[in-house]
Amino acid sequence: MRVARYQEADSVRVALVEGELLLPLPPGTEVLSVLTASPTERLAIRAGAETAIPLDRASLIAPLDPPAMRDFVTFERHVQGVHSSVGGGAAGIPDAWYEAPAFLFMNPHSLTAPFGEVPMPPHTLAMDFELEVAAIVGRTVRDVDPDDAESLIVGYAIFNDWSARDIQRREMQVNLGPSKGKDFANTLGPWITTPDELEQWRVGDRFDLRMEVRVNDELIGEASLAEMGWSFAELLVHSSRDAWVGAGDVLATGTCGGGALAEWWGRRGEQSPPPLAVGDVVTMTVEGLGTISNQIGPIRSPGHRVPAARPLSPAPGA
C-alpha cells in the first residue's frame, strides 16, 4: 500500500496511490491510521475510497507531519568522501562512526512538497542535496526490544536533507551542529510505502533498493539501500534507548554513497560538480519508493543576521 497526501482547495486529503491514480480516502482519515491498519482493515479502507483522480493532476504535499525527525549517518562510503569536505577533518572515517549510529535532529516544520520549489537559502554559495530513505515509526515507544523493532516500522519514503555546506562547515567548527546549514528545507515523499511492498527486495535485514540522484537529468550518484551500516530496526533500537520515539517520527538513513555533491568535492578536492544554482532541478529515485523532483527557486528569506557575540567585559566575578 502507498499512502499520499494532496492539497484540495483549502483542505489536505489522504489518498492511496495505485498506478497513476489517487484514490481519495474519506475526509478526516489520518495517515498513521492507514499505515498501522491490519490487513483486514486495509481492505475496508480500500473499499471506502472515493472516485479515483489522475495522479498527475494532484498537488502532492509531504505525506506526513512528523513530530520529530532524526537523521543518521549510516553509509560508510559517504562518510569517507564527505568528512574532509564538510567536517573539517582529515580524509578517512572516524573510528567513532563504527561504534554506534550517530544522528542529529531535524526541523519537522521544514518539509517541502515532493515536487515543489525549494527556495535557495540566503548567505550560501554551496547549496547541496542528500539522497536518503526515511522510515516511519508506527507508535510511540521507548527502550524497544531488538526482536520487536522491525514490526514497529510502518512505512518508507524518499528523503532529501537539503544542505548549505559552507554554513554547515562554519557551524561544525564550534563542535555543535549543524543547524542553519540544514534546517531550511527537507523533502519527504512522494508517498509512504508500507513494508510489505518491499519484501521482494529484502536481503537479510536490509532492502536492496537502487537509489539514484540526478541534477538537470545528469546522473550524479547511485547506491543500494542495502549498503547501510545498520538496519532500520537497529536505528530504532538505538534511538529509543532511554528515550521516547513518537508515533509518526522519521528515522532517516543519512546520505547514501555518492548521494551528495559535498562527497564528490571531498574526493576530488574541488567543487565538481558545482553547487546547486537557482533553476537547477534535483530528481531522486529509489526503487520501490518512487521519485521526488524539486527545482531550486530564488531566495525568499530577507536573511536577517544577528551581530557577533558581545560578552560582558570584564566577566562577572573578575
C-alpha atoms as a PDB file:
ATOM      1  CA  MET A   1       0.000   0.000   0.000  1.00  0.00           C
ATOM      2  CA  ARG A   2       1.169   3.530  -0.815  1.00  0.00           C
ATOM      3  CA  VAL A   3      -0.277   6.456   1.130  1.00  0.00           C
ATOM      4  CA  ALA A   4      -0.068  10.077  -0.020  1.00  0.00           C
ATOM      5  CA  ARG A   5      -1.437  13.479   0.905  1.00  0.00           C
ATOM      6  CA  TYR A   6      -2.537  16.169  -1.504  1.00  0.00           C
ATOM      7  CA  GLN A   7      -3.923  19.663  -1.357  1.00  0.00           C
ATOM      8  CA  GLU A   8      -7.570  20.054  -2.356  1.00  0.00           C
ATOM      9  CA  ALA A   9      -8.707  23.681  -2.213  1.00  0.00           C
ATOM     10  CA  ASP A  10      -8.203  24.668   1.445  1.00  0.00           C
ATOM     11  CA  SER A  11      -8.031  21.143   2.828  1.00  0.00           C
ATOM     12  CA  VAL A  12      -5.460  18.358   2.988  1.00  0.00           C
ATOM     13  CA  ARG A  13      -6.648  14.964   1.799  1.00  0.00           C
ATOM     14  CA  VAL A  14      -5.208  11.486   2.347  1.00  0.00           C
ATOM     15  CA  ALA A  15      -5.254   9.071  -0.577  1.00  0.00           C
ATOM     16  CA  LEU A  16      -3.996   5.685  -1.692  1.00  0.00           C
ATOM     17  CA  VAL A  17      -1.736   5.541  -4.728  1.00  0.00           C
ATOM     18  CA  GLU A  18      -2.387   2.817  -7.277  1.00  0.00           C
ATOM     19  CA  GLY A  19      -0.506   3.053 -10.534  1.00  0.00           C
ATOM     20  CA  GLU A  20      -1.108   6.513 -11.956  1.00  0.00           C
ATOM     21  CA  LEU A  21      -4.213   7.113  -9.866  1.00  0.00           C
ATOM     22  CA  LEU A  22      -5.006   8.641  -6.489  1.00  0.00           C
ATOM     23  CA  LEU A  23      -7.854   7.079  -4.533  1.00  0.00           C
ATOM     24  CA  PRO A  24      -9.035   9.723  -2.045  1.00  0.00           C
ATOM     25  CA  LEU A  25      -9.996   8.461   1.395  1.00  0.00           C
ATOM     26  CA  PRO A  26     -12.854   9.968   3.413  1.00  0.00           C
ATOM     27  CA  PRO A  27     -12.170  13.420   4.911  1.00  0.00           C
ATOM     28  CA  GLY A  28     -10.620  13.139   8.351  1.00  0.00           C
ATOM     29  CA  THR A  29      -8.629   9.987   7.535  1.00  0.00           C
ATOM     30  CA  GLU A  30      -5.212  10.054   9.217  1.00  0.00           C
ATOM     31  CA  VAL A  31      -2.079   8.743   7.502  1.00  0.00           C
ATOM     32  CA  LEU A  32      -0.915   6.818  10.565  1.00  0.00           C
ATOM     33  CA  SER A  33      -4.296   5.108  10.949  1.00  0.00           C
ATOM     34  CA  VAL A  34      -3.876   3.724   7.430  1.00  0.00           C
ATOM     35  CA  LEU A  35      -0.243   2.716   7.923  1.00  0.00           C
ATOM     36  CA  THR A  36      -0.945   0.917  11.208  1.00  0.00           C
ATOM     37  CA  ALA A  37      -4.118  -0.832  10.000  1.00  0.00           C
ATOM     38  CA  SER A  38      -4.290  -4.639   9.890  1.00  0.00           C
ATOM     39  CA  PRO A  39      -4.587  -6.406   6.504  1.00  0.00           C
ATOM     40  CA  THR A  40      -8.330  -6.797   7.038  1.00  0.00           C
ATOM     41  CA  GLU A  41      -8.698  -3.148   7.989  1.00  0.00           C
ATOM     42  CA  ARG A  42      -6.754  -2.116   4.892  1.00  0.00           C
ATOM     43  CA  LEU A  43      -9.219  -3.959   2.684  1.00  0.00           C
ATOM     44  CA  ALA A  44     -12.014  -1.962   4.290  1.00  0.00           C
ATOM     45  CA  ILE A  45     -10.046   1.266   3.853  1.00  0.00           C
ATOM     46  CA  ARG A  46      -9.530   0.495   0.160  1.00  0.00           C
ATOM     47  CA  ALA A  47     -13.217  -0.319  -0.280  1.00  0.00           C
ATOM     48  CA  GLY A  48     -14.150   3.040   1.223  1.00  0.00           C
ATOM     49  CA  ALA A  49     -12.049   5.085  -1.198  1.00  0.00           C
ATOM     50  CA  GLU A  50     -13.711   7.719  -3.329  1.00  0.00           C
ATOM     51  CA  THR A  51     -13.613   8.048  -7.122  1.00  0.00           C
ATOM     52  CA  ALA A  52     -10.040   7.927  -8.421  1.00  0.00           C
ATOM     53  CA  ILE A  53      -8.320  11.013  -9.814  1.00  0.00           C
ATOM     54  CA  PRO A  54      -5.231  11.160 -12.066  1.00  0.00           C
ATOM     55  CA  LEU A  55      -2.062  11.340 -10.015  1.00  0.00           C
ATOM     56  CA  ASP A  56      -0.506  13.915 -12.329  1.00  0.00           C
ATOM     57  CA  ARG A  57      -3.363  16.354 -11.654  1.00  0.00           C
ATOM     58  CA  ALA A  58      -2.954  16.276  -7.875  1.00  0.00           C
ATOM     59  CA  SER A  59      -0.842  18.684  -5.854  1.00  0.00           C
ATOM     60  CA  LEU A  60       1.068  16.297  -3.614  1.00  0.00           C
ATOM     61  CA  ILE A  61       2.400  17.584  -0.307  1.00  0.00           C
ATOM     62  CA  ALA A  62       4.630  15.881   2.270  1.00  0.00           C
ATOM     63  CA  PRO A  63       2.860  12.616   3.123  1.00  0.00           C
ATOM     64  CA  LEU A  64       3.193  13.142   6.875  1.00  0.00           C
ATOM     65  CA  ASP A  65       3.686  15.812   9.539  1.00  0.00           C
ATOM     66  CA  PRO A  66       6.219  14.025  11.756  1.00  0.00           C
ATOM     67  CA  PRO A  67       6.535  15.142  15.386  1.00  0.00           C
ATOM     68  CA  ALA A  68      10.300  14.634  15.203  1.00  0.00           C
ATOM     69  CA  MET A  69      12.895  13.694  12.599  1.00  0.00           C
ATOM     70  CA  ARG A  70      16.249  12.035  13.262  1.00  0.00           C
ATOM     71  CA  ASP A  71      18.872  11.941  10.525  1.00  0.00           C
ATOM     72  CA  PHE A  72      21.548   9.275  10.837  1.00  0.00           C
ATOM     73  CA  VAL A  73      24.890   8.787   9.093  1.00  0.00           C
ATOM     74  CA  THR A  74      24.702   5.136   8.065  1.00  0.00           C
ATOM     75  CA  PHE A  75      26.580   4.917   4.756  1.00  0.00           C
ATOM     76  CA  GLU A  76      30.301   4.293   5.119  1.00  0.00           C
ATOM     77  CA  ARG A  77      31.144   5.349   1.568  1.00  0.00           C
ATOM     78  CA  HIS A  78      29.518   8.737   2.068  1.00  0.00           C
ATOM     79  CA  VAL A  79      31.328   9.360   5.364  1.00  0.00           C
ATOM     80  CA  GLN A  80      34.631   8.509   3.718  1.00  0.00           C
ATOM     81  CA  GLY A  81      34.126  11.101   0.998  1.00  0.00           C
ATOM     82  CA  VAL A  82      32.439  13.916   2.903  1.00  0.00           C
ATOM     83  CA  HIS A  83      34.464  14.028   6.135  1.00  0.00           C
ATOM     84  CA  SER A  84      37.217  16.292   4.840  1.00  0.00           C
ATOM     85  CA  SER A  85      34.837  18.385   2.717  1.00  0.00           C
ATOM     86  CA  VAL A  86      32.363  19.371   5.450  1.00  0.00           C
ATOM     87  CA  GLY A  87      33.613  18.063   8.773  1.00  0.00           C
ATOM     88  CA  GLY A  88      36.943  19.840   8.618  1.00  0.00           C
ATOM     89  CA  GLY A  89      38.830  16.650   9.417  1.00  0.00           C
ATOM     90  CA  ALA A  90      41.375  14.608   7.540  1.00  0.00           C
ATOM     91  CA  ALA A  91      40.264  12.202   4.841  1.00  0.00           C
ATOM     92  CA  GLY A  92      39.016   8.874   6.153  1.00  0.00           C
ATOM     93  CA  ILE A  93      36.395   7.659   8.582  1.00  0.00           C
ATOM     94  CA  PRO A  94      36.486   8.472  12.317  1.00  0.00           C
ATOM     95  CA  ASP A  95      36.710   5.357  14.492  1.00  0.00           C
ATOM     96  CA  ALA A  96      33.689   6.588  16.438  1.00  0.00           C
ATOM     97  CA  TRP A  97      31.477   6.145  13.361  1.00  0.00           C
ATOM     98  CA  TYR A  98      31.774   2.354  13.625  1.00  0.00           C
ATOM     99  CA  GLU A  99      30.897   2.193  17.318  1.00  0.00           C
ATOM    100  CA  ALA A 100      27.232   3.284  17.190  1.00  0.00           C
ATOM    101  CA  PRO A 101      24.862   5.048  14.796  1.00  0.00           C
ATOM    102  CA  ALA A 102      25.048   8.827  15.177  1.00  0.00           C
ATOM    103  CA  PHE A 103      22.174  11.166  14.366  1.00  0.00           C
ATOM    104  CA  LEU A 104      21.043  14.771  14.518  1.00  0.00           C
ATOM    105  CA  PHE A 105      17.540  16.167  14.967  1.00  0.00           C
ATOM    106  CA  MET A 106      15.991  17.989  12.013  1.00  0.00           C
ATOM    107  CA  ASN A 107      13.298  20.646  11.750  1.00  0.00           C
ATOM    108  CA  PRO A 108       9.923  18.903  11.221  1.00  0.00           C
ATOM    109  CA  HIS A 109       8.387  22.212  10.105  1.00  0.00           C
ATOM    110  CA  SER A 110      10.753  22.468   7.146  1.00  0.00           C
ATOM    111  CA  LEU A 111       9.196  19.748   4.963  1.00  0.00           C
ATOM    112  CA  THR A 112       8.572  20.710   1.352  1.00  0.00           C
ATOM    113  CA  ALA A 113       6.288  19.202  -1.276  1.00  0.00           C
ATOM    114  CA  PRO A 114       7.838  16.272  -3.161  1.00  0.00           C
ATOM    115  CA  PHE A 115       7.579  18.181  -6.449  1.00  0.00           C
ATOM    116  CA  GLY A 116       7.605  21.735  -5.114  1.00  0.00           C
ATOM    117  CA  GLU A 117      10.084  24.550  -5.455  1.00  0.00           C
ATOM    118  CA  VAL A 118      12.821  24.802  -2.810  1.00  0.00           C
ATOM    119  CA  PRO A 119      13.988  28.404  -2.314  1.00  0.00           C
ATOM    120  CA  MET A 120      17.712  28.992  -2.186  1.00  0.00           C
ATOM    121  CA  PRO A 121      18.674  29.827   1.413  1.00  0.00           C
ATOM    122  CA  PRO A 122      20.439  33.160   1.976  1.00  0.00           C
ATOM    123  CA  HIS A 123      24.172  33.519   2.678  1.00  0.00           C
ATOM    124  CA  THR A 124      25.291  30.307   0.953  1.00  0.00           C
ATOM    125  CA  LEU A 125      27.426  29.608  -2.072  1.00  0.00           C
ATOM    126  CA  ALA A 126      27.414  25.840  -1.564  1.00  0.00           C
ATOM    127  CA  MET A 127      23.830  24.563  -1.823  1.00  0.00           C
ATOM    128  CA  ASP A 128      23.651  20.765  -1.821  1.00  0.00           C
ATOM    129  CA  PHE A 129      21.231  17.823  -1.597  1.00  0.00           C
ATOM    130  CA  GLU A 130      21.352  14.485   0.264  1.00  0.00           C
ATOM    131  CA  LEU A 131      19.800  11.310  -1.138  1.00  0.00           C
ATOM    132  CA  GLU A 132      18.307   9.291   1.727  1.00  0.00           C
ATOM    133  CA  VAL A 133      15.470   6.963   2.712  1.00  0.00           C
ATOM    134  CA  ALA A 134      13.267   7.581   5.741  1.00  0.00           C
ATOM    135  CA  ALA A 135      11.450   5.040   7.903  1.00  0.00           C
ATOM    136  CA  ILE A 136       8.207   5.954   9.675  1.00  0.00           C
ATOM    137  CA  VAL A 137       7.617   4.708  13.237  1.00  0.00           C
ATOM    138  CA  GLY A 138       4.060   3.471  13.842  1.00  0.00           C
ATOM    139  CA  ARG A 139       3.543   4.110  17.550  1.00  0.00           C
ATOM    140  CA  THR A 140       5.182   5.829  20.494  1.00  0.00           C
ATOM    141  CA  VAL A 141       7.839   3.581  22.040  1.00  0.00           C
ATOM    142  CA  ARG A 142      10.741   3.551  24.453  1.00  0.00           C
ATOM    143  CA  ASP A 143      13.578   1.031  25.004  1.00  0.00           C
ATOM    144  CA  VAL A 144      12.484  -1.062  22.035  1.00  0.00           C
ATOM    145  CA  ASP A 145      13.448  -4.733  22.145  1.00  0.00           C
ATOM    146  CA  PRO A 146      15.568  -5.657  19.093  1.00  0.00           C
ATOM    147  CA  ASP A 147      13.174  -8.515  18.306  1.00  0.00           C
ATOM    148  CA  ASP A 148      10.230  -6.106  18.103  1.00  0.00           C
ATOM    149  CA  ALA A 149      11.844  -3.179  16.311  1.00  0.00           C
ATOM    150  CA  GLU A 150      11.165  -4.040  12.677  1.00  0.00           C
ATOM    151  CA  SER A 151       7.450  -4.589  13.316  1.00  0.00           C
ATOM    152  CA  LEU A 152       7.185  -1.012  14.624  1.00  0.00           C
ATOM    153  CA  ILE A 153       8.262   0.493  11.301  1.00  0.00           C
ATOM    154  CA  VAL A 154       5.142   1.072   9.195  1.00  0.00           C
ATOM    155  CA  GLY A 155       6.441   2.765   6.070  1.00  0.00           C
ATOM    156  CA  TYR A 156       9.292   4.125   3.991  1.00  0.00           C
ATOM    157  CA  ALA A 157       9.759   7.193   1.777  1.00  0.00           C
ATOM    158  CA  ILE A 158      12.483   9.058  -0.095  1.00  0.00           C
ATOM    159  CA  PHE A 159      14.128  11.810   1.935  1.00  0.00           C
ATOM    160  CA  ASN A 160      16.249  14.769   0.816  1.00  0.00           C
ATOM    161  CA  ASP A 161      18.115  16.628   3.542  1.00  0.00           C
ATOM    162  CA  TRP A 162      18.979  19.876   1.745  1.00  0.00           C
ATOM    163  CA  SER A 163      22.220  21.436   2.989  1.00  0.00           C
ATOM    164  CA  ALA A 164      24.115  24.728   2.773  1.00  0.00           C
ATOM    165  CA  ARG A 165      27.603  23.283   3.023  1.00  0.00           C
ATOM    166  CA  ASP A 166      29.578  26.480   3.643  1.00  0.00           C
ATOM    167  CA  ILE A 167      27.268  27.438   6.513  1.00  0.00           C
ATOM    168  CA  GLN A 168      27.381  23.869   7.832  1.00  0.00           C
ATOM    169  CA  ARG A 169      31.184  23.799   7.770  1.00  0.00           C
ATOM    170  CA  ARG A 170      31.426  27.027   9.806  1.00  0.00           C
ATOM    171  CA  GLU A 171      28.886  25.789  12.355  1.00  0.00           C
ATOM    172  CA  MET A 172      30.679  22.494  12.891  1.00  0.00           C
ATOM    173  CA  GLN A 173      33.867  24.318  13.892  1.00  0.00           C
ATOM    174  CA  VAL A 174      32.065  25.016  17.187  1.00  0.00           C
ATOM    175  CA  ASN A 175      31.737  21.243  17.690  1.00  0.00           C
ATOM    176  CA  LEU A 176      27.967  21.586  17.757  1.00  0.00           C
ATOM    177  CA  GLY A 177      25.595  21.381  14.859  1.00  0.00           C
ATOM    178  CA  PRO A 178      24.916  21.688  12.038  1.00  0.00           C
ATOM    179  CA  SER A 179      21.915  23.982  12.489  1.00  0.00           C
ATOM    180  CA  LYS A 180      21.229  26.803   9.996  1.00  0.00           C
ATOM    181  CA  GLY A 181      23.158  24.849   7.401  1.00  0.00           C
ATOM    182  CA  LYS A 182      20.316  22.322   7.301  1.00  0.00           C
ATOM    183  CA  ASP A 183      17.077  23.478   8.899  1.00  0.00           C
ATOM    184  CA  PHE A 184      15.681  25.457   5.957  1.00  0.00           C
ATOM    185  CA  ALA A 185      14.249  22.588   3.868  1.00  0.00           C
ATOM    186  CA  ASN A 186      13.743  18.823   3.835  1.00  0.00           C
ATOM    187  CA  THR A 187      11.750  16.849   1.279  1.00  0.00           C
ATOM    188  CA  LEU A 188       9.822  13.664   2.122  1.00  0.00           C
ATOM    189  CA  GLY A 189       7.811  11.682  -0.394  1.00  0.00           C
ATOM    190  CA  PRO A 190       6.366  11.268  -2.859  1.00  0.00           C
ATOM    191  CA  TRP A 191       4.258   8.984  -0.653  1.00  0.00           C
ATOM    192  CA  ILE A 192       4.804   6.434   2.125  1.00  0.00           C
ATOM    193  CA  THR A 193       5.185   2.818   1.043  1.00  0.00           C
ATOM    194  CA  THR A 194       4.292   0.065   3.507  1.00  0.00           C
ATOM    195  CA  PRO A 195       6.973  -2.540   4.312  1.00  0.00           C
ATOM    196  CA  ASP A 196       5.147  -5.447   2.649  1.00  0.00           C
ATOM    197  CA  GLU A 197       5.598  -3.726  -0.723  1.00  0.00           C
ATOM    198  CA  LEU A 198       9.389  -4.025  -0.362  1.00  0.00           C
ATOM    199  CA  GLU A 199       9.703  -7.700   0.536  1.00  0.00           C
ATOM    200  CA  GLN A 200      10.801  -8.632  -2.987  1.00  0.00           C
ATOM    201  CA  TRP A 201      13.990  -6.602  -2.414  1.00  0.00           C
ATOM    202  CA  ARG A 202      14.775  -7.981   1.050  1.00  0.00           C
ATOM    203  CA  VAL A 203      18.327  -9.154   1.745  1.00  0.00           C
ATOM    204  CA  GLY A 204      18.529 -10.241   5.383  1.00  0.00           C
ATOM    205  CA  ASP A 205      17.519  -7.246   7.489  1.00  0.00           C
ATOM    206  CA  ARG A 206      18.036  -4.742   4.637  1.00  0.00           C
ATOM    207  CA  PHE A 207      16.365  -3.849   1.339  1.00  0.00           C
ATOM    208  CA  ASP A 208      18.439  -3.879  -1.838  1.00  0.00           C
ATOM    209  CA  LEU A 209      16.801  -0.841  -3.416  1.00  0.00           C
ATOM    210  CA  ARG A 210      18.640   1.076  -6.135  1.00  0.00           C
ATOM    211  CA  MET A 211      18.989   4.763  -5.259  1.00  0.00           C
ATOM    212  CA  GLU A 212      19.966   7.496  -7.708  1.00  0.00           C
ATOM    213  CA  VAL A 213      20.086  11.276  -7.869  1.00  0.00           C
ATOM    214  CA  ARG A 214      20.215  13.492 -10.949  1.00  0.00           C
ATOM    215  CA  VAL A 215      20.732  17.221 -11.420  1.00  0.00           C
ATOM    216  CA  ASN A 216      19.156  18.562 -14.602  1.00  0.00           C
ATOM    217  CA  ASP A 217      18.865  14.938 -15.820  1.00  0.00           C
ATOM    218  CA  GLU A 218      22.596  14.263 -15.305  1.00  0.00           C
ATOM    219  CA  LEU A 219      23.280  11.251 -13.075  1.00  0.00           C
ATOM    220  CA  ILE A 220      25.353  12.398 -10.080  1.00  0.00           C
ATOM    221  CA  GLY A 221      25.352   9.341  -7.808  1.00  0.00           C
ATOM    222  CA  GLU A 222      23.818   5.941  -7.206  1.00  0.00           C
ATOM    223  CA  ALA A 223      23.909   3.297  -4.488  1.00  0.00           C
ATOM    224  CA  SER A 224      21.943   0.486  -2.882  1.00  0.00           C
ATOM    225  CA  LEU A 225      19.955   0.966   0.310  1.00  0.00           C
ATOM    226  CA  ALA A 226      21.426  -2.363   1.451  1.00  0.00           C
ATOM    227  CA  GLU A 227      24.806  -0.605   1.907  1.00  0.00           C
ATOM    228  CA  MET A 228      23.599   0.868   5.222  1.00  0.00           C
ATOM    229  CA  GLY A 229      25.891   0.204   8.145  1.00  0.00           C
ATOM    230  CA  TRP A 230      22.889  -0.575  10.357  1.00  0.00           C
ATOM    231  CA  SER A 231      19.362  -1.771   9.623  1.00  0.00           C
ATOM    232  CA  PHE A 232      16.326   0.457  10.233  1.00  0.00           C
ATOM    233  CA  ALA A 233      15.373  -1.794  13.137  1.00  0.00           C
ATOM    234  CA  GLU A 234      18.758  -1.156  14.728  1.00  0.00           C
ATOM    235  CA  LEU A 235      18.330   2.593  14.211  1.00  0.00           C
ATOM    236  CA  LEU A 236      15.039   2.420  16.104  1.00  0.00           C
ATOM    237  CA  VAL A 237      16.566   0.385  18.943  1.00  0.00           C
ATOM    238  CA  HIS A 238      19.352   2.929  19.272  1.00  0.00           C
ATOM    239  CA  SER A 239      17.001   5.938  19.063  1.00  0.00           C
ATOM    240  CA  SER A 240      14.673   4.568  21.722  1.00  0.00           C
ATOM    241  CA  ARG A 241      17.296   3.625  24.277  1.00  0.00           C
ATOM    242  CA  ASP A 242      16.236   5.516  27.405  1.00  0.00           C
ATOM    243  CA  ALA A 243      14.247   7.911  25.184  1.00  0.00           C
ATOM    244  CA  TRP A 244      10.801   8.228  23.659  1.00  0.00           C
ATOM    245  CA  VAL A 245      10.341   7.883  19.913  1.00  0.00           C
ATOM    246  CA  GLY A 246       6.924   9.139  18.859  1.00  0.00           C
ATOM    247  CA  ALA A 247       4.265   7.757  16.558  1.00  0.00           C
ATOM    248  CA  GLY A 248       4.947   9.220  13.139  1.00  0.00           C
ATOM    249  CA  ASP A 249       8.584  10.054  13.869  1.00  0.00           C
ATOM    250  CA  VAL A 250      11.003   9.866  10.944  1.00  0.00           C
ATOM    251  CA  LEU A 251      14.286   7.937  11.072  1.00  0.00           C
ATOM    252  CA  ALA A 252      16.367   8.859   8.024  1.00  0.00           C
ATOM    253  CA  THR A 253      19.418   6.968   6.815  1.00  0.00           C
ATOM    254  CA  GLY A 254      21.660   9.900   6.085  1.00  0.00           C
ATOM    255  CA  THR A 255      23.200  10.280   2.655  1.00  0.00           C
ATOM    256  CA  CYS A 256      23.970   7.206   0.613  1.00  0.00           C
ATOM    257  CA  GLY A 257      27.335   6.787  -1.086  1.00  0.00           C
ATOM    258  CA  GLY A 258      27.564   9.240  -3.970  1.00  0.00           C
ATOM    259  CA  GLY A 259      24.327  10.903  -2.888  1.00  0.00           C
ATOM    260  CA  ALA A 260      25.579  14.448  -2.233  1.00  0.00           C
ATOM    261  CA  LEU A 261      27.749  16.970  -4.030  1.00  0.00           C
ATOM    262  CA  ALA A 262      29.912  17.530  -0.942  1.00  0.00           C
ATOM    263  CA  GLU A 263      31.024  13.909  -1.080  1.00  0.00           C
ATOM    264  CA  TRP A 264      32.387  14.420  -4.588  1.00  0.00           C
ATOM    265  CA  TRP A 265      34.005  17.702  -3.518  1.00  0.00           C
ATOM    266  CA  GLY A 266      35.823  15.862  -0.744  1.00  0.00           C
ATOM    267  CA  ARG A 267      37.049  13.123  -3.069  1.00  0.00           C
ATOM    268  CA  ARG A 268      38.129  15.491  -5.869  1.00  0.00           C
ATOM    269  CA  GLY A 269      39.441  18.409  -3.831  1.00  0.00           C
ATOM    270  CA  GLU A 270      37.335  20.868  -5.816  1.00  0.00           C
ATOM    271  CA  GLN A 271      33.676  21.820  -6.214  1.00  0.00           C
ATOM    272  CA  SER A 272      32.971  19.484  -9.092  1.00  0.00           C
ATOM    273  CA  PRO A 273      30.089  19.058  -9.834  1.00  0.00           C
ATOM    274  CA  PRO A 274      29.316  22.692  -8.928  1.00  0.00           C
ATOM    275  CA  PRO A 275      26.970  23.722  -6.096  1.00  0.00           C
ATOM    276  CA  LEU A 276      23.289  23.971  -6.914  1.00  0.00           C
ATOM    277  CA  ALA A 277      22.093  27.180  -8.534  1.00  0.00           C
ATOM    278  CA  VAL A 278      18.673  28.770  -8.966  1.00  0.00           C
ATOM    279  CA  GLY A 279      16.833  26.895 -11.700  1.00  0.00           C
ATOM    280  CA  ASP A 280      18.546  23.547 -11.126  1.00  0.00           C
ATOM    281  CA  VAL A 281      16.260  20.525 -10.830  1.00  0.00           C
ATOM    282  CA  VAL A 282      17.206  17.748  -8.397  1.00  0.00           C
ATOM    283  CA  THR A 283      15.498  14.405  -9.029  1.00  0.00           C
ATOM    284  CA  MET A 284      15.785  11.423  -6.705  1.00  0.00           C
ATOM    285  CA  THR A 285      14.523   7.934  -7.467  1.00  0.00           C
ATOM    286  CA  VAL A 286      14.533   4.942  -5.136  1.00  0.00           C
ATOM    287  CA  GLU A 287      13.427   1.556  -6.405  1.00  0.00           C
ATOM    288  CA  GLY A 288      10.065   0.613  -4.912  1.00  0.00           C
ATOM    289  CA  LEU A 289       9.542   4.065  -3.379  1.00  0.00           C
ATOM    290  CA  GLY A 290       9.076   6.331  -6.396  1.00  0.00           C
ATOM    291  CA  THR A 291      10.576   9.675  -7.421  1.00  0.00           C
ATOM    292  CA  ILE A 292      10.741  13.180  -5.982  1.00  0.00           C
ATOM    293  CA  SER A 293      11.859  16.200  -8.012  1.00  0.00           C
ATOM    294  CA  ASN A 294      12.434  19.771  -6.866  1.00  0.00           C
ATOM    295  CA  GLN A 295      13.578  22.916  -8.620  1.00  0.00           C
ATOM    296  CA  ILE A 296      15.768  25.413  -6.784  1.00  0.00           C
ATOM    297  CA  GLY A 297      13.971  28.762  -6.611  1.00  0.00           C
ATOM    298  CA  PRO A 298      15.220  32.254  -5.815  1.00  0.00           C
ATOM    299  CA  ILE A 299      15.966  33.396  -2.274  1.00  0.00           C
ATOM    300  CA  ARG A 300      12.783  34.356  -0.417  1.00  0.00           C
ATOM    301  CA  SER A 301      14.133  34.993   3.073  1.00  0.00           C
ATOM    302  CA  PRO A 302      15.305  38.521   3.968  1.00  0.00           C
ATOM    303  CA  GLY A 303      18.293  36.770   5.552  1.00  0.00           C
ATOM    304  CA  HIS A 304      18.417  38.762   8.777  1.00  0.00           C
ATOM    305  CA  ARG A 305      21.718  38.327  10.591  1.00  0.00           C
ATOM    306  CA  VAL A 306      22.456  38.817  14.264  1.00  0.00           C
ATOM    307  CA  PRO A 307      25.664  40.585  15.363  1.00  0.00           C
ATOM    308  CA  ALA A 308      28.761  38.825  16.594  1.00  0.00           C
ATOM    309  CA  ALA A 309      28.908  37.831  20.263  1.00  0.00           C
ATOM    310  CA  ARG A 310      29.354  40.668  22.747  1.00  0.00           C
ATOM    311  CA  PRO A 311      30.479  39.114  26.046  1.00  0.00           C
ATOM    312  CA  LEU A 312      30.375  41.246  29.181  1.00  0.00           C
ATOM    313  CA  SER A 313      33.748  42.762  29.945  1.00  0.00           C
ATOM    314  CA  PRO A 314      35.054  42.281  32.484  1.00  0.00           C
ATOM    315  CA  ALA A 315      33.443  38.903  33.048  1.00  0.00           C
ATOM    316  CA  PRO A 316      31.184  38.626  36.129  1.00  0.00           C
ATOM    317  CA  GLY A 317      33.232  37.945  39.251  1.00  0.00           C
ATOM    318  CA  ALA A 318      36.508  39.015  37.686  1.00  0.00           C
END
